Amino acid sequence: IPRTKVRESAALDLLAEAYCGGSYSILKEAYASSKDISSIDCIYYEFRRAAMFMFDVSGPASKISSFERNLKTSVSRLFNQVEKSRFESAKQRLETWVAFAAETLAGMANMIGAAEINGDIEYYQKYLQAIDDLSASEVKDIAKKYIDPKSYILVIYYNPAS
């Protein structure tokens, strides 16, 4: 993923939150019937010179092929417009996260660090404004710009003894 602007970064965070945040996320729905899943996560990371959109599904090694199949199917939903209720809920969770982060020293350090890395002390004010202003269709367009579902790296961690 190439370097993003504040609005694009907010859109990708919003997409990750809609895709995997909360109890009714797209990714959690994809694996709802599976009793083999121990954890599911989806996070957008942005670093100084690199970024990644990461999906994480944990469970027994014997189920890896079915996990990958489900993941490919559910990732295709990234490019469909996110339902309005799910989208608004994701916005609320991200805005709440920023507010709560400002209440702790670790959270403030993280926010100041992000502002420094992005070279903009007003980064989080712009980020919150972007989250508030973004539409579901704009998030979908930004996802198409930065995420290629045909190009991915699958990393498998498992205990060979299990």
N, C-alpha and C. Protein backbone atom coordinates (compact mmCIF):
# COMPACT_ATOMS: atom_id res chain seq x y z
N ILE A 1 0.86 -1.18 0.00
CA ILE A 1 0.00 0.00 0.00
C ILE A 1 0.89 1.23 0.00
N PRO A 2 0.75 2.12 -0.96
CA PRO A 2 1.56 3.34 -0.96
C PRO A 2 1.16 4.29 0.17
N ARG A 3 1.98 5.25 0.43
CA ARG A 3 1.73 6.25 1.46
C ARG A 3 0.39 6.94 1.19
N THR A 4 -0.36 7.24 2.23
CA THR A 4 -1.69 7.82 2.07
C THR A 4 -1.76 9.23 2.64
N LYS A 5 -2.83 9.91 2.28
CA LYS A 5 -3.15 11.21 2.87
C LYS A 5 -4.06 10.95 4.08
N VAL A 6 -4.29 11.97 4.91
CA VAL A 6 -5.12 11.80 6.12
C VAL A 6 -6.48 11.21 5.77
N ARG A 7 -7.13 11.75 4.76
CA ARG A 7 -8.48 11.28 4.39
C ARG A 7 -8.45 9.81 3.95
N GLU A 8 -7.44 9.43 3.18
CA GLU A 8 -7.33 8.05 2.73
C GLU A 8 -7.01 7.12 3.90
N SER A 9 -6.15 7.59 4.79
CA SER A 9 -5.81 6.81 5.98
C SER A 9 -7.06 6.58 6.84
N ALA A 10 -7.85 7.62 7.03
CA ALA A 10 -9.10 7.51 7.78
C ALA A 10 -10.06 6.54 7.09
N ALA A 11 -10.12 6.60 5.76
CA ALA A 11 -11.00 5.71 5.01
C ALA A 11 -10.59 4.25 5.18
N LEU A 12 -9.29 3.98 5.14
CA LEU A 12 -8.82 2.61 5.30
C LEU A 12 -9.02 2.12 6.73
N ASP A 13 -8.85 2.99 7.71
CA ASP A 13 -9.16 2.62 9.10
C ASP A 13 -10.65 2.32 9.24
N LEU A 14 -11.47 3.13 8.61
CA LEU A 14 -12.92 2.96 8.65
C LEU A 14 -13.32 1.64 7.98
N LEU A 15 -12.69 1.32 6.88
CA LEU A 15 -12.95 0.06 6.19
C LEU A 15 -12.55 -1.12 7.08
N ALA A 16 -11.37 -1.04 7.71
CA ALA A 16 -10.93 -2.12 8.61
C ALA A 16 -11.90 -2.27 9.77
N GLU A 17 -12.37 -1.17 10.30
CA GLU A 17 -13.30 -1.21 11.43
C GLU A 17 -14.64 -1.81 11.01
N ALA A 18 -15.15 -1.44 9.84
CA ALA A 18 -16.42 -2.00 9.34
C ALA A 18 -16.25 -3.48 9.01
N TYR A 19 -15.07 -3.82 8.52
CA TYR A 19 -14.82 -5.19 8.10
C TYR A 19 -14.64 -6.12 9.29
N CYS A 20 -13.99 -5.63 10.35
CA CYS A 20 -13.71 -6.54 11.47
C CYS A 20 -14.03 -5.99 12.85
N GLY A 21 -14.40 -4.74 12.98
CA GLY A 21 -14.67 -4.20 14.31
C GLY A 21 -16.06 -4.54 14.81
N GLY A 22 -16.19 -4.67 16.09
CA GLY A 22 -17.50 -4.93 16.67
C GLY A 22 -17.95 -6.36 16.48
N SER A 23 -19.08 -6.70 17.10
CA SER A 23 -19.53 -8.09 17.07
C SER A 23 -20.24 -8.50 15.79
N TYR A 24 -20.64 -7.55 14.96
CA TYR A 24 -21.36 -7.88 13.73
C TYR A 24 -20.57 -7.50 12.48
N SER A 25 -19.27 -7.74 12.52
CA SER A 25 -18.42 -7.35 11.40
C SER A 25 -18.54 -8.33 10.24
N ILE A 26 -18.13 -7.88 9.07
CA ILE A 26 -18.17 -8.71 7.86
C ILE A 26 -17.31 -9.96 8.04
N LEU A 27 -16.10 -9.81 8.56
CA LEU A 27 -15.20 -10.95 8.73
C LEU A 27 -15.74 -11.93 9.77
N LYS A 28 -16.28 -11.43 10.86
CA LYS A 28 -16.82 -12.32 11.88
C LYS A 28 -18.04 -13.08 11.35
N GLU A 29 -18.84 -12.44 10.49
CA GLU A 29 -19.97 -13.13 9.87
C GLU A 29 -19.49 -14.26 8.96
N ALA A 30 -18.37 -14.05 8.27
CA ALA A 30 -17.85 -15.06 7.35
C ALA A 30 -17.46 -16.34 8.07
N TYR A 31 -17.08 -16.22 9.32
CA TYR A 31 -16.64 -17.38 10.10
C TYR A 31 -17.60 -17.74 11.23
N ALA A 32 -18.78 -17.16 11.24
CA ALA A 32 -19.73 -17.36 12.34
C ALA A 32 -20.07 -18.83 12.58
N SER A 33 -20.20 -19.60 11.52
CA SER A 33 -20.59 -21.00 11.68
C SER A 33 -19.42 -21.91 12.04
N SER A 34 -18.21 -21.41 11.96
CA SER A 34 -17.03 -22.23 12.24
C SER A 34 -16.76 -22.30 13.74
N LYS A 35 -16.61 -23.50 14.23
CA LYS A 35 -16.28 -23.71 15.65
C LYS A 35 -14.76 -23.77 15.84
N ASP A 36 -14.01 -23.70 14.74
CA ASP A 36 -12.56 -23.88 14.80
C ASP A 36 -11.78 -22.58 14.97
N ILE A 37 -12.43 -21.45 14.87
CA ILE A 37 -11.75 -20.16 14.94
C ILE A 37 -11.47 -19.78 16.38
N SER A 38 -10.21 -19.42 16.66
CA SER A 38 -9.91 -18.94 18.01
C SER A 38 -9.83 -17.42 18.04
N SER A 39 -9.47 -16.79 16.92
CA SER A 39 -9.50 -15.32 16.87
C SER A 39 -9.56 -14.84 15.43
N ILE A 40 -10.11 -13.64 15.25
CA ILE A 40 -10.23 -13.00 13.94
C ILE A 40 -9.88 -11.54 14.12
N ASP A 41 -9.12 -10.99 13.18
CA ASP A 41 -8.79 -9.57 13.28
C ASP A 41 -8.52 -9.01 11.89
N CYS A 42 -8.67 -7.72 11.76
CA CYS A 42 -8.41 -7.00 10.51
C CYS A 42 -7.93 -5.61 10.90
N ILE A 43 -6.72 -5.27 10.48
CA ILE A 43 -6.13 -4.00 10.89
C ILE A 43 -5.43 -3.35 9.71
N TYR A 44 -5.55 -2.04 9.63
CA TYR A 44 -4.80 -1.27 8.65
C TYR A 44 -3.66 -0.59 9.40
N TYR A 45 -2.43 -0.88 9.01
CA TYR A 45 -1.25 -0.27 9.62
C TYR A 45 -0.61 0.67 8.61
N GLU A 46 -0.19 1.82 9.07
CA GLU A 46 0.59 2.72 8.21
C GLU A 46 1.85 3.11 8.96
N PHE A 47 2.97 2.89 8.32
CA PHE A 47 4.27 3.23 8.89
C PHE A 47 4.87 4.37 8.08
N ARG A 48 6.07 4.76 8.40
CA ARG A 48 6.70 5.89 7.71
C ARG A 48 6.88 5.64 6.21
N ARG A 49 7.32 4.45 5.85
CA ARG A 49 7.58 4.16 4.43
C ARG A 49 6.81 2.95 3.90
N ALA A 50 5.94 2.41 4.69
CA ALA A 50 5.20 1.23 4.26
C ALA A 50 3.85 1.17 4.97
N ALA A 51 2.96 0.41 4.41
CA ALA A 51 1.65 0.23 5.03
C ALA A 51 1.13 -1.15 4.65
N MET A 52 0.17 -1.64 5.43
CA MET A 52 -0.43 -2.92 5.08
C MET A 52 -1.83 -3.02 5.64
N PHE A 53 -2.63 -3.78 4.95
CA PHE A 53 -3.98 -4.12 5.38
C PHE A 53 -3.89 -5.58 5.77
N MET A 54 -4.07 -5.91 7.04
CA MET A 54 -3.80 -7.26 7.51
C MET A 54 -5.07 -7.93 8.02
N PHE A 55 -5.25 -9.18 7.60
CA PHE A 55 -6.34 -10.01 8.08
C PHE A 55 -5.71 -11.15 8.86
N ASP A 56 -6.29 -11.50 9.97
CA ASP A 56 -5.73 -12.53 10.83
C ASP A 56 -6.84 -13.46 11.28
N VAL A 57 -6.72 -14.73 10.92
CA VAL A 57 -7.66 -15.74 11.36
C VAL A 57 -6.85 -16.84 12.02
N SER A 58 -7.14 -17.14 13.27
CA SER A 58 -6.37 -18.16 14.00
C SER A 58 -7.23 -19.38 14.29
N GLY A 59 -6.62 -20.54 14.14
CA GLY A 59 -7.30 -21.79 14.42
C GLY A 59 -6.37 -22.94 14.13
N PRO A 60 -6.86 -24.18 14.13
CA PRO A 60 -6.00 -25.34 13.92
C PRO A 60 -5.42 -25.40 12.51
N ALA A 61 -4.18 -25.90 12.41
CA ALA A 61 -3.46 -25.97 11.13
C ALA A 61 -4.22 -26.82 10.11
N SER A 62 -4.96 -27.81 10.55
CA SER A 62 -5.68 -28.69 9.62
C SER A 62 -6.79 -27.97 8.86
N LYS A 63 -7.18 -26.79 9.32
CA LYS A 63 -8.27 -26.03 8.69
C LYS A 63 -7.77 -24.86 7.83
N ILE A 64 -6.47 -24.75 7.61
CA ILE A 64 -5.90 -23.60 6.91
C ILE A 64 -6.53 -23.38 5.54
N SER A 65 -6.71 -24.44 4.76
CA SER A 65 -7.25 -24.24 3.41
C SER A 65 -8.68 -23.68 3.46
N SER A 66 -9.49 -24.13 4.40
CA SER A 66 -10.86 -23.59 4.48
C SER A 66 -10.83 -22.15 5.00
N PHE A 67 -9.90 -21.83 5.91
CA PHE A 67 -9.77 -20.46 6.38
C PHE A 67 -9.42 -19.54 5.21
N GLU A 68 -8.47 -19.97 4.38
CA GLU A 68 -8.05 -19.13 3.25
C GLU A 68 -9.20 -18.94 2.27
N ARG A 69 -9.96 -20.00 1.99
CA ARG A 69 -11.12 -19.90 1.09
C ARG A 69 -12.13 -18.88 1.62
N ASN A 70 -12.48 -19.00 2.90
CA ASN A 70 -13.43 -18.06 3.50
C ASN A 70 -12.90 -16.64 3.47
N LEU A 71 -11.61 -16.49 3.72
CA LEU A 71 -11.01 -15.16 3.73
C LEU A 71 -11.09 -14.52 2.34
N LYS A 72 -10.75 -15.29 1.30
CA LYS A 72 -10.83 -14.76 -0.07
C LYS A 72 -12.26 -14.33 -0.41
N THR A 73 -13.22 -15.14 -0.03
CA THR A 73 -14.62 -14.82 -0.30
C THR A 73 -15.04 -13.55 0.44
N SER A 74 -14.68 -13.46 1.71
CA SER A 74 -15.10 -12.29 2.48
C SER A 74 -14.35 -11.03 2.09
N VAL A 75 -13.09 -11.15 1.64
CA VAL A 75 -12.34 -9.97 1.21
C VAL A 75 -12.99 -9.35 -0.02
N SER A 76 -13.62 -10.15 -0.86
CA SER A 76 -14.30 -9.59 -2.03
C SER A 76 -15.40 -8.62 -1.60
N ARG A 77 -15.92 -8.78 -0.39
CA ARG A 77 -16.95 -7.87 0.12
C ARG A 77 -16.39 -6.48 0.43
N LEU A 78 -15.06 -6.36 0.52
CA LEU A 78 -14.45 -5.05 0.75
C LEU A 78 -14.86 -4.06 -0.34
N PHE A 79 -15.09 -4.59 -1.53
CA PHE A 79 -15.34 -3.73 -2.68
C PHE A 79 -16.83 -3.53 -2.95
N ASN A 80 -17.65 -4.07 -2.08
CA ASN A 80 -19.08 -3.77 -2.11
C ASN A 80 -19.29 -2.62 -1.13
N GLN A 81 -20.32 -1.87 -1.34
CA GLN A 81 -20.58 -0.77 -0.41
C GLN A 81 -20.98 -1.34 0.95
N VAL A 82 -20.36 -0.83 1.99
CA VAL A 82 -20.65 -1.27 3.35
C VAL A 82 -22.05 -0.78 3.74
N GLU A 83 -22.83 -1.65 4.40
CA GLU A 83 -24.18 -1.28 4.82
C GLU A 83 -24.13 -0.03 5.71
N LYS A 84 -25.14 0.83 5.59
CA LYS A 84 -25.15 2.10 6.31
C LYS A 84 -25.02 1.93 7.82
N SER A 85 -25.75 0.99 8.41
CA SER A 85 -25.69 0.82 9.87
C SER A 85 -24.30 0.36 10.31
N ARG A 86 -23.70 -0.54 9.55
CA ARG A 86 -22.35 -1.03 9.87
C ARG A 86 -21.34 0.11 9.70
N PHE A 87 -21.52 0.91 8.67
CA PHE A 87 -20.62 2.02 8.37
C PHE A 87 -20.68 3.07 9.49
N GLU A 88 -21.89 3.44 9.90
CA GLU A 88 -22.06 4.44 10.96
C GLU A 88 -21.52 3.93 12.30
N SER A 89 -21.70 2.66 12.56
CA SER A 89 -21.18 2.06 13.79
C SER A 89 -19.65 2.08 13.79
N ALA A 90 -19.04 1.82 12.64
CA ALA A 90 -17.58 1.86 12.52
C ALA A 90 -17.07 3.28 12.75
N LYS A 91 -17.77 4.27 12.20
CA LYS A 91 -17.39 5.67 12.43
C LYS A 91 -17.41 5.99 13.92
N GLN A 92 -18.47 5.57 14.58
CA GLN A 92 -18.61 5.86 16.01
C GLN A 92 -17.50 5.20 16.82
N ARG A 93 -17.15 3.95 16.49
CA ARG A 93 -16.08 3.25 17.23
C ARG A 93 -14.74 3.94 17.04
N LEU A 94 -14.42 4.38 15.81
CA LEU A 94 -13.15 5.08 15.58
C LEU A 94 -13.09 6.42 16.30
N GLU A 95 -14.17 7.17 16.25
CA GLU A 95 -14.21 8.47 16.94
C GLU A 95 -14.08 8.27 18.45
N THR A 96 -14.71 7.23 18.97
CA THR A 96 -14.61 6.92 20.40
C THR A 96 -13.19 6.52 20.76
N TRP A 97 -12.55 5.73 19.89
CA TRP A 97 -11.16 5.32 20.15
C TRP A 97 -10.26 6.54 20.29
N VAL A 98 -10.40 7.52 19.41
CA VAL A 98 -9.56 8.73 19.48
C VAL A 98 -9.83 9.48 20.79
N ALA A 99 -11.09 9.59 21.17
CA ALA A 99 -11.44 10.29 22.42
C ALA A 99 -10.84 9.57 23.63
N PHE A 100 -10.97 8.25 23.68
CA PHE A 100 -10.41 7.50 24.80
C PHE A 100 -8.88 7.51 24.79
N ALA A 101 -8.28 7.50 23.62
CA ALA A 101 -6.81 7.54 23.53
C ALA A 101 -6.26 8.81 24.15
N ALA A 102 -7.01 9.89 24.03
CA ALA A 102 -6.56 11.18 24.58
C ALA A 102 -6.61 11.20 26.11
N GLU A 103 -7.20 10.18 26.72
CA GLU A 103 -7.34 10.12 28.18
C GLU A 103 -6.16 9.45 28.89
N THR A 104 -5.24 8.83 28.14
CA THR A 104 -4.12 8.14 28.77
C THR A 104 -2.80 8.66 28.23
N LEU A 105 -1.74 8.49 29.02
CA LEU A 105 -0.42 8.91 28.55
C LEU A 105 0.02 8.10 27.34
N ALA A 106 -0.23 6.79 27.37
CA ALA A 106 0.14 5.95 26.23
C ALA A 106 -0.62 6.36 24.98
N GLY A 107 -1.91 6.65 25.13
CA GLY A 107 -2.72 7.08 24.00
C GLY A 107 -2.25 8.41 23.44
N MET A 108 -1.95 9.35 24.34
CA MET A 108 -1.44 10.66 23.89
C MET A 108 -0.09 10.50 23.20
N ALA A 109 0.78 9.63 23.74
CA ALA A 109 2.08 9.40 23.11
C ALA A 109 1.90 8.84 21.70
N ASN A 110 0.94 7.92 21.55
CA ASN A 110 0.65 7.35 20.24
C ASN A 110 0.16 8.42 19.28
N MET A 111 -0.73 9.28 19.75
CA MET A 111 -1.28 10.34 18.90
C MET A 111 -0.21 11.36 18.52
N ILE A 112 0.63 11.73 19.48
CA ILE A 112 1.71 12.69 19.18
C ILE A 112 2.71 12.06 18.22
N GLY A 113 3.00 10.77 18.42
CA GLY A 113 3.90 10.05 17.51
C GLY A 113 3.36 10.02 16.09
N ALA A 114 2.06 9.75 15.95
CA ALA A 114 1.44 9.72 14.62
C ALA A 114 1.49 11.11 13.99
N ALA A 115 1.25 12.14 14.79
CA ALA A 115 1.33 13.52 14.27
C ALA A 115 2.75 13.83 13.80
N GLU A 116 3.74 13.39 14.57
CA GLU A 116 5.15 13.61 14.19
C GLU A 116 5.50 12.86 12.91
N ILE A 117 5.12 11.60 12.84
CA ILE A 117 5.41 10.78 11.65
C ILE A 117 4.77 11.39 10.41
N ASN A 118 3.56 11.91 10.57
CA ASN A 118 2.85 12.50 9.44
C ASN A 118 3.20 13.96 9.20
N GLY A 119 4.04 14.52 10.08
CA GLY A 119 4.49 15.90 9.89
C GLY A 119 3.38 16.92 10.03
N ASP A 120 2.38 16.62 10.88
CA ASP A 120 1.24 17.53 11.02
C ASP A 120 0.68 17.42 12.44
N ILE A 121 0.89 18.43 13.25
CA ILE A 121 0.43 18.42 14.63
C ILE A 121 -1.10 18.36 14.72
N GLU A 122 -1.79 18.75 13.66
CA GLU A 122 -3.26 18.71 13.64
C GLU A 122 -3.79 17.43 12.98
N TYR A 123 -2.93 16.43 12.87
CA TYR A 123 -3.29 15.19 12.18
C TYR A 123 -4.61 14.60 12.70
N TYR A 124 -4.76 14.47 14.02
CA TYR A 124 -5.96 13.83 14.55
C TYR A 124 -7.22 14.67 14.40
N GLN A 125 -7.08 16.00 14.40
CA GLN A 125 -8.26 16.83 14.13
C GLN A 125 -8.72 16.60 12.69
N LYS A 126 -7.76 16.54 11.77
CA LYS A 126 -8.09 16.28 10.36
C LYS A 126 -8.63 14.86 10.19
N TYR A 127 -8.06 13.92 10.93
CA TYR A 127 -8.49 12.52 10.87
C TYR A 127 -9.95 12.40 11.31
N LEU A 128 -10.29 13.02 12.44
CA LEU A 128 -11.67 12.98 12.93
C LEU A 128 -12.63 13.64 11.96
N GLN A 129 -12.22 14.75 11.37
CA GLN A 129 -13.06 15.43 10.38
C GLN A 129 -13.26 14.55 9.16
N ALA A 130 -12.19 13.87 8.73
CA ALA A 130 -12.29 12.98 7.57
C ALA A 130 -13.25 11.83 7.86
N ILE A 131 -13.14 11.23 9.04
CA ILE A 131 -14.05 10.13 9.40
C ILE A 131 -15.49 10.62 9.35
N ASP A 132 -15.73 11.78 9.90
CA ASP A 132 -17.07 12.34 9.92
C ASP A 132 -17.61 12.61 8.51
N ASP A 133 -16.74 13.07 7.61
CA ASP A 133 -17.15 13.47 6.27
C ASP A 133 -17.22 12.34 5.25
N LEU A 134 -16.50 11.24 5.48
CA LEU A 134 -16.41 10.18 4.47
C LEU A 134 -17.75 9.50 4.21
N SER A 135 -18.00 9.21 2.95
CA SER A 135 -19.20 8.45 2.57
C SER A 135 -18.78 7.01 2.28
N ALA A 136 -19.73 6.10 2.32
CA ALA A 136 -19.43 4.69 2.04
C ALA A 136 -18.88 4.51 0.63
N SER A 137 -19.40 5.26 -0.33
CA SER A 137 -18.92 5.11 -1.71
C SER A 137 -17.49 5.63 -1.85
N GLU A 138 -17.14 6.69 -1.10
CA GLU A 138 -15.76 7.19 -1.15
C GLU A 138 -14.80 6.18 -0.53
N VAL A 139 -15.20 5.54 0.56
CA VAL A 139 -14.37 4.51 1.19
C VAL A 139 -14.14 3.36 0.21
N LYS A 140 -15.19 2.98 -0.51
CA LYS A 140 -15.08 1.92 -1.51
C LYS A 140 -14.09 2.30 -2.61
N ASP A 141 -14.14 3.54 -3.08
CA ASP A 141 -13.20 4.01 -4.11
C ASP A 141 -11.76 4.00 -3.61
N ILE A 142 -11.56 4.42 -2.36
CA ILE A 142 -10.21 4.43 -1.78
C ILE A 142 -9.71 2.99 -1.61
N ALA A 143 -10.59 2.08 -1.21
CA ALA A 143 -10.20 0.67 -1.09
C ALA A 143 -9.71 0.13 -2.43
N LYS A 144 -10.41 0.46 -3.50
CA LYS A 144 -10.00 0.00 -4.83
C LYS A 144 -8.64 0.56 -5.22
N LYS A 145 -8.34 1.76 -4.75
CA LYS A 145 -7.06 2.39 -5.07
C LYS A 145 -5.89 1.70 -4.36
N TYR A 146 -6.11 1.27 -3.12
CA TYR A 146 -5.01 0.77 -2.29
C TYR A 146 -4.96 -0.73 -2.07
N ILE A 147 -6.05 -1.43 -2.32
CA ILE A 147 -6.08 -2.86 -2.00
C ILE A 147 -6.35 -3.67 -3.26
N ASP A 148 -5.49 -4.64 -3.54
CA ASP A 148 -5.64 -5.53 -4.67
C ASP A 148 -5.90 -6.94 -4.13
N PRO A 149 -7.15 -7.43 -4.22
CA PRO A 149 -7.45 -8.75 -3.64
C PRO A 149 -6.76 -9.91 -4.35
N LYS A 150 -6.20 -9.67 -5.53
CA LYS A 150 -5.48 -10.72 -6.24
C LYS A 150 -4.02 -10.81 -5.81
N SER A 151 -3.58 -9.82 -5.07
CA SER A 151 -2.19 -9.77 -4.64
C SER A 151 -2.14 -9.78 -3.12
N TYR A 152 -1.73 -10.88 -2.57
CA TYR A 152 -1.64 -10.96 -1.11
C TYR A 152 -0.55 -11.95 -0.70
N ILE A 153 -0.17 -11.86 0.54
CA ILE A 153 0.80 -12.78 1.11
C ILE A 153 0.08 -13.50 2.24
N LEU A 154 0.13 -14.81 2.22
CA LEU A 154 -0.48 -15.61 3.28
C LEU A 154 0.64 -16.10 4.19
N VAL A 155 0.58 -15.72 5.44
CA VAL A 155 1.57 -16.16 6.43
C VAL A 155 0.85 -17.08 7.40
N ILE A 156 1.40 -18.26 7.58
CA ILE A 156 0.77 -19.25 8.44
C ILE A 156 1.67 -19.56 9.63
N TYR A 157 1.16 -19.34 10.82
CA TYR A 157 1.85 -19.72 12.05
C TYR A 157 1.08 -20.88 12.65
N TYR A 158 1.76 -21.96 12.95
CA TYR A 158 1.07 -23.06 13.62
C TYR A 158 2.08 -23.90 14.39
N ASN A 159 1.56 -24.69 15.30
CA ASN A 159 2.38 -25.59 16.09
C ASN A 159 2.34 -26.95 15.42
N PRO A 160 3.47 -27.42 14.83
CA PRO A 160 3.45 -28.70 14.12
C PRO A 160 3.13 -29.89 15.03
N ALA A 161 3.29 -29.71 16.33
CA ALA A 161 3.00 -30.80 17.26
C ALA A 161 1.51 -30.96 17.52
N SER A 162 0.73 -29.93 17.17
CA SER A 162 -0.72 -30.02 17.46
C SER A 162 -1.49 -30.64 16.33
